[in-house]
N, C-alpha and C. Protein backbone atom coordinates (compact mmCIF):
# COMPACT_ATOMS: atom_id res chain seq x y z
N UNK A 1 0.84 -1.11 -0.03
CA UNK A 1 -0.04 0.00 -0.04
C UNK A 1 0.86 1.24 0.23
N UNK A 2 0.33 2.29 -0.55
CA UNK A 2 1.19 3.52 -0.52
C UNK A 2 0.82 4.32 0.75
N UNK A 3 1.73 5.16 1.17
CA UNK A 3 1.48 5.96 2.22
C UNK A 3 0.04 6.76 2.34
N UNK A 4 -0.17 7.32 1.09
CA UNK A 4 -1.49 8.09 0.95
C UNK A 4 -2.80 6.97 1.29
N UNK A 5 -2.61 5.83 0.99
CA UNK A 5 -3.94 4.99 1.08
C UNK A 5 -3.79 4.69 2.61
N UNK A 6 -2.61 4.38 3.10
CA UNK A 6 -2.42 3.91 4.66
C UNK A 6 -3.07 5.26 5.48
N UNK A 7 -2.53 6.32 5.13
CA UNK A 7 -3.16 7.42 5.90
C UNK A 7 -4.60 7.65 5.80
N UNK A 8 -5.05 7.68 4.61
CA UNK A 8 -6.56 7.81 4.35
C UNK A 8 -7.33 6.75 5.13
N UNK A 9 -6.85 5.45 5.09
CA UNK A 9 -7.58 4.44 5.80
C UNK A 9 -7.63 4.58 7.22
N UNK A 10 -6.50 5.16 7.96
CA UNK A 10 -6.49 5.62 9.44
C UNK A 10 -7.51 6.80 9.56
N UNK A 11 -7.58 7.74 8.66
CA UNK A 11 -8.41 8.90 8.76
C UNK A 11 -9.87 8.28 8.75
N UNK A 12 -10.13 7.49 7.94
CA UNK A 12 -11.56 6.96 7.76
C UNK A 12 -11.96 6.25 8.94
N UNK A 13 -11.09 5.58 9.70
CA UNK A 13 -11.45 5.04 10.98
C UNK A 13 -11.48 5.83 12.16
N UNK A 14 -11.33 7.17 11.74
CA UNK A 14 -11.59 8.31 12.90
C UNK A 14 -10.34 8.59 13.64
N UNK A 15 -9.21 8.08 13.38
CA UNK A 15 -7.97 8.49 13.96
C UNK A 15 -7.55 9.89 13.53
N UNK A 16 -6.85 10.64 14.43
CA UNK A 16 -6.23 11.73 14.36
C UNK A 16 -4.74 11.47 14.18
N UNK A 17 -4.23 12.09 13.03
CA UNK A 17 -2.78 11.79 12.67
C UNK A 17 -1.98 12.98 12.69
N UNK A 18 -0.78 12.76 13.40
CA UNK A 18 0.22 13.74 13.54
C UNK A 18 1.49 13.34 12.84
N UNK A 19 2.48 14.19 12.56
CA UNK A 19 3.60 13.83 12.09
C UNK A 19 4.54 12.73 12.54
N UNK A 20 4.63 12.67 14.01
CA UNK A 20 5.30 11.68 14.69
C UNK A 20 4.76 10.35 14.53
N UNK A 21 3.37 10.18 14.43
CA UNK A 21 2.64 9.01 14.20
C UNK A 21 2.98 8.42 12.93
N UNK A 22 3.04 9.53 12.01
CA UNK A 22 3.11 8.99 10.54
C UNK A 22 4.45 8.51 10.18
N UNK A 23 5.51 9.18 10.88
CA UNK A 23 6.53 8.66 10.82
C UNK A 23 6.87 7.24 11.30
N UNK A 24 6.35 7.15 12.45
CA UNK A 24 6.61 5.79 13.00
C UNK A 24 5.77 4.69 12.64
N UNK A 25 4.48 4.97 12.04
CA UNK A 25 3.71 4.03 11.55
C UNK A 25 3.99 3.58 10.14
N UNK A 26 4.29 4.52 9.35
CA UNK A 26 4.35 4.55 7.89
C UNK A 26 5.46 4.97 7.30
N UNK A 27 6.60 5.35 8.12
CA UNK A 27 7.77 5.98 7.44
C UNK A 27 7.75 7.14 6.69
N UNK A 28 6.67 8.04 7.08
CA UNK A 28 6.34 9.22 6.30
C UNK A 28 6.84 10.45 6.86
N UNK A 29 7.88 11.03 6.16
CA UNK A 29 8.68 12.31 6.60
C UNK A 29 7.80 13.30 6.21
N UNK A 30 6.92 13.46 5.12
CA UNK A 30 6.28 14.57 4.79
C UNK A 30 4.81 14.45 4.81
N UNK A 31 4.25 14.28 6.12
CA UNK A 31 2.93 14.13 6.22
C UNK A 31 2.34 15.32 5.58
N UNK A 32 2.65 16.57 5.79
CA UNK A 32 1.82 17.62 5.19
C UNK A 32 1.68 17.53 3.58
N UNK A 33 2.59 17.01 2.90
CA UNK A 33 2.67 16.73 1.46
C UNK A 33 1.55 15.73 1.28
N UNK A 34 1.48 14.64 1.97
CA UNK A 34 0.52 13.65 1.91
C UNK A 34 -0.82 14.00 1.97
N UNK A 35 -1.15 14.93 3.18
CA UNK A 35 -2.36 15.51 3.38
C UNK A 35 -2.80 16.35 2.33
N UNK A 36 -1.87 17.11 1.80
CA UNK A 36 -2.14 17.97 0.61
C UNK A 36 -2.72 17.28 -0.54
N UNK A 37 -2.10 16.11 -0.92
CA UNK A 37 -2.69 15.25 -2.04
C UNK A 37 -3.92 14.80 -1.68
N UNK A 38 -4.20 14.29 -0.45
CA UNK A 38 -5.46 13.71 -0.10
C UNK A 38 -6.58 14.82 -0.02
N UNK A 39 -6.28 16.13 0.31
CA UNK A 39 -7.29 17.11 0.29
C UNK A 39 -7.86 17.48 -0.92
N UNK A 40 -7.45 16.84 -2.05
CA UNK A 40 -7.97 17.12 -3.46
C UNK A 40 -9.30 16.19 -3.83
N UNK A 41 -9.39 15.16 -2.70
CA UNK A 41 -10.54 14.47 -2.86
C UNK A 41 -11.38 14.33 -1.61
N UNK A 42 -10.90 14.61 -0.38
CA UNK A 42 -11.35 14.60 0.90
C UNK A 42 -11.35 15.87 1.59
N UNK A 43 -12.24 15.86 2.64
CA UNK A 43 -12.24 17.12 3.70
C UNK A 43 -11.44 16.81 4.79
N UNK A 44 -10.13 17.41 4.90
CA UNK A 44 -9.36 17.07 6.03
C UNK A 44 -9.24 18.40 6.95
N UNK A 45 -9.35 18.27 8.12
CA UNK A 45 -9.18 19.37 9.03
C UNK A 45 -7.90 19.25 9.66
N UNK A 46 -7.33 20.56 9.87
CA UNK A 46 -6.00 20.54 10.69
C UNK A 46 -6.16 21.23 11.92
N UNK A 47 -5.71 20.75 12.93
CA UNK A 47 -5.66 21.39 14.26
C UNK A 47 -4.21 21.78 14.84
N UNK A 48 -3.91 22.71 15.19
CA UNK A 48 -2.58 22.89 15.78
C UNK A 48 -2.51 22.57 17.24
N UNK A 49 -1.62 21.74 17.69
CA UNK A 49 -1.34 21.30 19.09
C UNK A 49 -0.15 21.69 19.66
N UNK A 50 0.17 21.70 20.82
CA UNK A 50 1.42 21.95 21.47
C UNK A 50 1.72 20.68 22.30
N UNK A 51 2.95 20.34 22.31
CA UNK A 51 3.43 19.14 23.02
C UNK A 51 3.69 19.54 24.54
N UNK A 52 4.25 18.64 25.24
CA UNK A 52 4.52 18.95 26.65
C UNK A 52 5.74 19.90 26.80
N UNK A 53 6.75 19.80 25.70
CA UNK A 53 7.72 20.48 25.81
C UNK A 53 7.63 21.97 25.13
N UNK A 54 6.39 22.10 24.54
CA UNK A 54 6.05 23.47 23.92
C UNK A 54 6.15 23.58 22.56
N UNK A 55 6.63 22.50 21.88
CA UNK A 55 6.61 22.44 20.40
C UNK A 55 5.22 22.34 19.87
N UNK A 56 5.09 23.15 18.67
CA UNK A 56 3.75 23.04 17.94
C UNK A 56 3.83 22.05 16.79
N UNK A 57 2.66 21.39 16.65
CA UNK A 57 2.66 20.49 15.59
C UNK A 57 1.30 20.31 15.13
N UNK A 58 0.97 19.90 13.71
CA UNK A 58 -0.19 19.84 13.34
C UNK A 58 -0.94 18.47 13.41
N UNK A 59 -2.03 18.48 13.63
CA UNK A 59 -2.85 17.01 13.95
C UNK A 59 -4.10 17.15 12.79
N UNK A 60 -4.12 16.03 11.96
CA UNK A 60 -5.19 15.91 11.04
C UNK A 60 -6.26 14.99 11.26
N UNK A 61 -7.49 15.31 10.84
CA UNK A 61 -8.62 14.37 11.00
C UNK A 61 -9.52 14.68 9.83
N UNK A 62 -10.28 13.54 9.55
CA UNK A 62 -11.22 13.64 8.29
C UNK A 62 -12.64 14.25 8.81
N UNK A 63 -13.01 15.18 8.04
CA UNK A 63 -14.37 15.84 8.39
C UNK A 63 -15.47 15.18 7.57
N UNK A 64 -16.57 14.74 8.18
CA UNK A 64 -17.84 14.37 7.69
C UNK A 64 -17.81 12.91 6.94
N UNK A 65 -17.18 12.06 7.41
CA UNK A 65 -17.16 10.61 6.84
C UNK A 65 -17.24 9.64 7.97
């Protein structure tokens, strides 16, 4: 399977995905690029989060499916 299909499958299951998760589960270094490709056919929401050490990161979820 491709990274896009793996990510989309996880989003459709209701999971929220962040860059660290994408790297550890699918070896995806460029999650934002994969999300940009998926946004052409799906509604994906971005939520900015802050980690315990104060670093900001994006978390992605699927809207309306």
